[in-house]
Amino acid sequence: MAEAASGPDSPEDDAKRKFREALERKRNKQADLNARQSARDGGKVQGAHGPAQSKRAFRRKSGG
């Protein structure tokens, strides 16, 4: 009923359609980037566990 009152191509519907199309393009682009990234690395975090690369050594100051 709302479409009959405002017409099939109202400016609001046109704006919503454009936003949805833009959002769909953005999601598809992000999905493609994620697919390429996972195929290349297998994940975002690399070497999360294990020894630190350069462990800091703390020494006390000797006498004064």
PDB file of N, CA and C in Angstrom:
ATOM      1  N   MET A   1       0.796  -1.184   0.000  1.00  0.00           N
ATOM      2  CA  MET A   1       0.000   0.000   0.000  1.00  0.00           C
ATOM      3  C   MET A   1       0.849   1.263   0.000  1.00  0.00           C
ATOM      4  N   ALA A   2       1.983   1.230   0.674  1.00  0.00           N
ATOM      5  CA  ALA A   2       2.845   2.401   0.741  1.00  0.00           C
ATOM      6  C   ALA A   2       3.428   2.731  -0.630  1.00  0.00           C
ATOM      7  N   GLU A   3       3.694   1.700  -1.441  1.00  0.00           N
ATOM      8  CA  GLU A   3       4.246   1.943  -2.767  1.00  0.00           C
ATOM      9  C   GLU A   3       3.235   2.620  -3.673  1.00  0.00           C
ATOM     10  N   ALA A   4       1.980   2.280  -3.543  1.00  0.00           N
ATOM     11  CA  ALA A   4       0.948   2.879  -4.374  1.00  0.00           C
ATOM     12  C   ALA A   4       0.802   4.367  -4.067  1.00  0.00           C
ATOM     13  N   ALA A   5       0.990   4.745  -2.825  1.00  0.00           N
ATOM     14  CA  ALA A   5       0.827   6.139  -2.435  1.00  0.00           C
ATOM     15  C   ALA A   5       2.023   6.986  -2.856  1.00  0.00           C
ATOM     16  N   SER A   6       3.239   6.438  -2.747  1.00  0.00           N
ATOM     17  CA  SER A   6       4.428   7.239  -3.041  1.00  0.00           C
ATOM     18  C   SER A   6       4.996   6.982  -4.423  1.00  0.00           C
ATOM     19  N   GLY A   7       4.476   6.019  -5.144  1.00  0.00           N
ATOM     20  CA  GLY A   7       4.970   5.733  -6.479  1.00  0.00           C
ATOM     21  C   GLY A   7       6.085   4.712  -6.438  1.00  0.00           C
ATOM     22  N   PRO A   8       6.304   3.983  -7.527  1.00  0.00           N
ATOM     23  CA  PRO A   8       7.300   2.912  -7.537  1.00  0.00           C
ATOM     24  C   PRO A   8       8.745   3.412  -7.496  1.00  0.00           C
ATOM     25  N   ASP A   9       9.012   4.587  -8.063  1.00  0.00           N
ATOM     26  CA  ASP A   9      10.387   5.109  -8.089  1.00  0.00           C
ATOM     27  C   ASP A   9      10.490   6.402  -7.306  1.00  0.00           C
ATOM     28  N   SER A  10      10.112   6.356  -6.041  1.00  0.00           N
ATOM     29  CA  SER A  10      10.203   7.564  -5.227  1.00  0.00           C
ATOM     30  C   SER A  10      11.674   7.843  -4.921  1.00  0.00           C
ATOM     31  N   PRO A  11      12.014   9.077  -4.638  1.00  0.00           N
ATOM     32  CA  PRO A  11      13.418   9.418  -4.338  1.00  0.00           C
ATOM     33  C   PRO A  11      13.983   8.640  -3.146  1.00  0.00           C
ATOM     34  N   GLU A  12      13.127   8.354  -2.164  1.00  0.00           N
ATOM     35  CA  GLU A  12      13.598   7.602  -0.996  1.00  0.00           C
ATOM     36  C   GLU A  12      13.988   6.187  -1.386  1.00  0.00           C
ATOM     37  N   ASP A  13      13.158   5.550  -2.215  1.00  0.00           N
ATOM     38  CA  ASP A  13      13.465   4.190  -2.660  1.00  0.00           C
ATOM     39  C   ASP A  13      14.735   4.172  -3.500  1.00  0.00           C
ATOM     40  N   ASP A  14      14.890   5.192  -4.327  1.00  0.00           N
ATOM     41  CA  ASP A  14      16.080   5.276  -5.178  1.00  0.00           C
ATOM     42  C   ASP A  14      17.333   5.429  -4.319  1.00  0.00           C
ATOM     43  N   ALA A  15      17.270   6.266  -3.296  1.00  0.00           N
ATOM     44  CA  ALA A  15      18.419   6.464  -2.409  1.00  0.00           C
ATOM     45  C   ALA A  15      18.746   5.180  -1.655  1.00  0.00           C
ATOM     46  N   LYS A  16      17.697   4.508  -1.154  1.00  0.00           N
ATOM     47  CA  LYS A  16      17.924   3.254  -0.434  1.00  0.00           C
ATOM     48  C   LYS A  16      18.548   2.209  -1.353  1.00  0.00           C
ATOM     49  N   ARG A  17      18.063   2.146  -2.574  1.00  0.00           N
ATOM     50  CA  ARG A  17      18.604   1.179  -3.539  1.00  0.00           C
ATOM     51  C   ARG A  17      20.084   1.461  -3.803  1.00  0.00           C
ATOM     52  N   LYS A  18      20.424   2.741  -3.978  1.00  0.00           N
ATOM     53  CA  LYS A  18      21.823   3.104  -4.234  1.00  0.00           C
ATOM     54  C   LYS A  18      22.708   2.741  -3.048  1.00  0.00           C
ATOM     55  N   PHE A  19      22.234   3.003  -1.834  1.00  0.00           N
ATOM     56  CA  PHE A  19      23.018   2.659  -0.644  1.00  0.00           C
ATOM     57  C   PHE A  19      23.201   1.153  -0.523  1.00  0.00           C
ATOM     58  N   ARG A  20      22.140   0.397  -0.800  1.00  0.00           N
ATOM     59  CA  ARG A  20      22.255  -1.062  -0.730  1.00  0.00           C
ATOM     60  C   ARG A  20      23.238  -1.590  -1.760  1.00  0.00           C
ATOM     61  N   GLU A  21      23.196  -1.029  -2.971  1.00  0.00           N
ATOM     62  CA  GLU A  21      24.138  -1.463  -4.010  1.00  0.00           C
ATOM     63  C   GLU A  21      25.572  -1.138  -3.607  1.00  0.00           C
ATOM     64  N   ALA A  22      25.785   0.052  -3.058  1.00  0.00           N
ATOM     65  CA  ALA A  22      27.124   0.444  -2.625  1.00  0.00           C
ATOM     66  C   ALA A  22      27.604  -0.458  -1.494  1.00  0.00           C
ATOM     67  N   LEU A  23      26.718  -0.786  -0.555  1.00  0.00           N
ATOM     68  CA  LEU A  23      27.080  -1.669   0.550  1.00  0.00           C
ATOM     69  C   LEU A  23      27.415  -3.067   0.042  1.00  0.00           C
ATOM     70  N   GLU A  24      26.652  -3.539  -0.919  1.00  0.00           N
ATOM     71  CA  GLU A  24      26.925  -4.863  -1.494  1.00  0.00           C
ATOM     72  C   GLU A  24      28.280  -4.876  -2.207  1.00  0.00           C
ATOM     73  N   ARG A  25      28.588  -3.806  -2.951  1.00  0.00           N
ATOM     74  CA  ARG A  25      29.905  -3.725  -3.605  1.00  0.00           C
ATOM     75  C   ARG A  25      31.021  -3.725  -2.571  1.00  0.00           C
ATOM     76  N   LYS A  26      30.832  -2.969  -1.482  1.00  0.00           N
ATOM     77  CA  LYS A  26      31.840  -2.900  -0.421  1.00  0.00           C
ATOM     78  C   LYS A  26      32.050  -4.269   0.217  1.00  0.00           C
ATOM     79  N   ARG A  27      30.961  -4.973   0.504  1.00  0.00           N
ATOM     80  CA  ARG A  27      31.069  -6.300   1.116  1.00  0.00           C
ATOM     81  C   ARG A  27      31.755  -7.288   0.184  1.00  0.00           C
ATOM     82  N   ASN A  28      31.420  -7.223  -1.103  1.00  0.00           N
ATOM     83  CA  ASN A  28      32.055  -8.116  -2.068  1.00  0.00           C
ATOM     84  C   ASN A  28      33.546  -7.830  -2.188  1.00  0.00           C
ATOM     85  N   LYS A  29      33.897  -6.562  -2.183  1.00  0.00           N
ATOM     86  CA  LYS A  29      35.305  -6.180  -2.272  1.00  0.00           C
ATOM     87  C   LYS A  29      36.073  -6.686  -1.052  1.00  0.00           C
ATOM     88  N   GLN A  30      35.482  -6.501   0.132  1.00  0.00           N
ATOM     89  CA  GLN A  30      36.128  -6.955   1.366  1.00  0.00           C
ATOM     90  C   GLN A  30      36.240  -8.470   1.393  1.00  0.00           C
ATOM     91  N   ALA A  31      35.227  -9.170   0.888  1.00  0.00           N
ATOM     92  CA  ALA A  31      35.265 -10.634   0.852  1.00  0.00           C
ATOM     93  C   ALA A  31      36.376 -11.110  -0.088  1.00  0.00           C
ATOM     94  N   ASP A  32      36.555 -10.430  -1.210  1.00  0.00           N
ATOM     95  CA  ASP A  32      37.629 -10.795  -2.138  1.00  0.00           C
ATOM     96  C   ASP A  32      38.996 -10.585  -1.496  1.00  0.00           C
ATOM     97  N   LEU A  33      39.154  -9.458  -0.800  1.00  0.00           N
ATOM     98  CA  LEU A  33      40.435  -9.187  -0.145  1.00  0.00           C
ATOM     99  C   LEU A  33      40.721 -10.223   0.933  1.00  0.00           C
ATOM    100  N   ASN A  34      39.704 -10.586   1.709  1.00  0.00           N
ATOM    101  CA  ASN A  34      39.885 -11.584   2.760  1.00  0.00           C
ATOM    102  C   ASN A  34      40.213 -12.945   2.169  1.00  0.00           C
ATOM    103  N   ALA A  35      39.602 -13.286   1.058  1.00  0.00           N
ATOM    104  CA  ALA A  35      39.870 -14.580   0.419  1.00  0.00           C
ATOM    105  C   ALA A  35      41.316 -14.635  -0.068  1.00  0.00           C
ATOM    106  N   ARG A  36      41.771 -13.550  -0.663  1.00  0.00           N
ATOM    107  CA  ARG A  36      43.174 -13.517  -1.133  1.00  0.00           C
ATOM    108  C   ARG A  36      44.146 -13.579   0.040  1.00  0.00           C
ATOM    109  N   GLN A  37      43.826 -12.848   1.110  1.00  0.00           N
ATOM    110  CA  GLN A  37      44.698 -12.820   2.285  1.00  0.00           C
ATOM    111  C   GLN A  37      44.800 -14.200   2.917  1.00  0.00           C
ATOM    112  N   SER A  38      43.662 -14.885   3.075  1.00  0.00           N
ATOM    113  CA  SER A  38      43.687 -16.199   3.717  1.00  0.00           C
ATOM    114  C   SER A  38      44.367 -17.223   2.825  1.00  0.00           C
ATOM    115  N   ALA A  39      44.264 -17.070   1.538  1.00  0.00           N
ATOM    116  CA  ALA A  39      44.925 -18.003   0.627  1.00  0.00           C
ATOM    117  C   ALA A  39      46.441 -17.815   0.677  1.00  0.00           C
ATOM    118  N   ARG A  40      46.873 -16.587   0.900  1.00  0.00           N
ATOM    119  CA  ARG A  40      48.306 -16.290   0.916  1.00  0.00           C
ATOM    120  C   ARG A  40      48.941 -16.666   2.250  1.00  0.00           C
ATOM    121  N   ASP A  41      48.342 -16.217   3.365  1.00  0.00           N
ATOM    122  CA  ASP A  41      48.941 -16.404   4.690  1.00  0.00           C
ATOM    123  C   ASP A  41      48.317 -17.558   5.466  1.00  0.00           C
ATOM    124  N   GLY A  42      47.039 -17.670   5.373  1.00  0.00           N
ATOM    125  CA  GLY A  42      46.335 -18.619   6.199  1.00  0.00           C
ATOM    126  C   GLY A  42      45.779 -17.969   7.450  1.00  0.00           C
ATOM    127  N   GLY A  43      46.117 -16.709   7.729  1.00  0.00           N
ATOM    128  CA  GLY A  43      45.590 -16.017   8.895  1.00  0.00           C
ATOM    129  C   GLY A  43      46.220 -14.659   9.054  1.00  0.00           C
ATOM    130  N   LYS A  44      45.624 -13.837   9.898  1.00  0.00           N
ATOM    131  CA  LYS A  44      46.150 -12.495  10.110  1.00  0.00           C
ATOM    132  C   LYS A  44      47.325 -12.480  11.068  1.00  0.00           C
ATOM    133  N   VAL A  45      47.288 -13.334  12.074  1.00  0.00           N
ATOM    134  CA  VAL A  45      48.319 -13.324  13.106  1.00  0.00           C
ATOM    135  C   VAL A  45      49.365 -14.378  12.765  1.00  0.00           C
ATOM    136  N   GLN A  46      50.593 -13.958  12.658  1.00  0.00           N
ATOM    137  CA  GLN A  46      51.683 -14.870  12.354  1.00  0.00           C
ATOM    138  C   GLN A  46      52.660 -14.912  13.527  1.00  0.00           C
ATOM    139  N   GLY A  47      52.983 -16.093  14.007  1.00  0.00           N
ATOM    140  CA  GLY A  47      53.946 -16.230  15.098  1.00  0.00           C
ATOM    141  C   GLY A  47      53.450 -15.632  16.399  1.00  0.00           C
ATOM    142  N   ALA A  48      52.212 -15.873  16.750  1.00  0.00           N
ATOM    143  CA  ALA A  48      51.652 -15.287  17.962  1.00  0.00           C
ATOM    144  C   ALA A  48      52.215 -15.944  19.215  1.00  0.00           C
ATOM    145  N   HIS A  49      52.588 -17.200  19.111  1.00  0.00           N
ATOM    146  CA  HIS A  49      53.098 -17.919  20.267  1.00  0.00           C
ATOM    147  C   HIS A  49      54.567 -18.262  20.040  1.00  0.00           C
ATOM    148  N   GLY A  50      55.294 -18.367  21.117  1.00  0.00           N
ATOM    149  CA  GLY A  50      56.698 -18.714  21.007  1.00  0.00           C
ATOM    150  C   GLY A  50      57.564 -17.674  21.676  1.00  0.00           C
ATOM    151  N   PRO A  51      58.861 -17.853  21.612  1.00  0.00           N
ATOM    152  CA  PRO A  51      59.769 -16.909  22.279  1.00  0.00           C
ATOM    153  C   PRO A  51      59.746 -15.532  21.625  1.00  0.00           C
ATOM    154  N   ALA A  52      59.986 -14.524  22.435  1.00  0.00           N
ATOM    155  CA  ALA A  52      60.045 -13.162  21.921  1.00  0.00           C
ATOM    156  C   ALA A  52      61.297 -13.005  21.067  1.00  0.00           C
ATOM    157  N   GLN A  53      61.216 -12.153  20.080  1.00  0.00           N
ATOM    158  CA  GLN A  53      62.352 -11.950  19.182  1.00  0.00           C
ATOM    159  C   GLN A  53      63.547 -11.348  19.918  1.00  0.00           C
ATOM    160  N   SER A  54      63.319 -10.343  20.698  1.00  0.00           N
ATOM    161  CA  SER A  54      64.421  -9.740  21.465  1.00  0.00           C
ATOM    162  C   SER A  54      63.933  -9.521  22.891  1.00  0.00           C
ATOM    163  N   LYS A  55      64.190 -10.468  23.736  1.00  0.00           N
ATOM    164  CA  LYS A  55      63.723 -10.392  25.109  1.00  0.00           C
ATOM    165  C   LYS A  55      64.547  -9.350  25.855  1.00  0.00           C
ATOM    166  N   ARG A  56      63.866  -8.474  26.564  1.00  0.00           N
ATOM    167  CA  ARG A  56      64.566  -7.410  27.296  1.00  0.00           C
ATOM    168  C   ARG A  56      65.203  -7.965  28.549  1.00  0.00           C
ATOM    169  N   ALA A  57      66.407  -7.533  28.813  1.00  0.00           N
ATOM    170  CA  ALA A  57      67.113  -7.957  30.016  1.00  0.00           C
ATOM    171  C   ALA A  57      67.188  -6.761  30.972  1.00  0.00           C
ATOM    172  N   PHE A  58      66.713  -6.928  32.187  1.00  0.00           N
ATOM    173  CA  PHE A  58      66.752  -5.878  33.182  1.00  0.00           C
ATOM    174  C   PHE A  58      67.904  -6.146  34.148  1.00  0.00           C
ATOM    175  N   ARG A  59      68.698  -5.125  34.386  1.00  0.00           N
ATOM    176  CA  ARG A  59      69.822  -5.251  35.324  1.00  0.00           C
ATOM    177  C   ARG A  59      69.680  -4.206  36.411  1.00  0.00           C
ATOM    178  N   ARG A  60      70.073  -4.612  37.600  1.00  0.00           N
ATOM    179  CA  ARG A  60      70.043  -3.646  38.698  1.00  0.00           C
ATOM    180  C   ARG A  60      71.242  -2.730  38.598  1.00  0.00           C
ATOM    181  N   LYS A  61      71.038  -1.508  39.033  1.00  0.00           N
ATOM    182  CA  LYS A  61      72.164  -0.579  39.069  1.00  0.00           C
ATOM    183  C   LYS A  61      73.079  -0.980  40.221  1.00  0.00           C
ATOM    184  N   SER A  62      74.350  -0.948  39.975  1.00  0.00           N
ATOM    185  CA  SER A  62      75.295  -1.301  41.034  1.00  0.00           C
ATOM    186  C   SER A  62      75.633  -0.044  41.858  1.00  0.00           C
ATOM    187  N   GLY A  63      75.786  -0.211  43.131  1.00  0.00           N
ATOM    188  CA  GLY A  63      76.226   0.847  44.067  1.00  0.00           C
ATOM    189  C   GLY A  63      76.094   2.269  43.554  1.00  0.00           C
ATOM    190  N   GLY A  64      76.584   3.216  44.059  1.00  0.00           N
ATOM    191  CA  GLY A  64      76.300   4.546  43.596  1.00  0.00           C
ATOM    192  C   GLY A  64      77.435   5.371  43.412  1.00  0.00           C
TER     193      GLY A  64
END
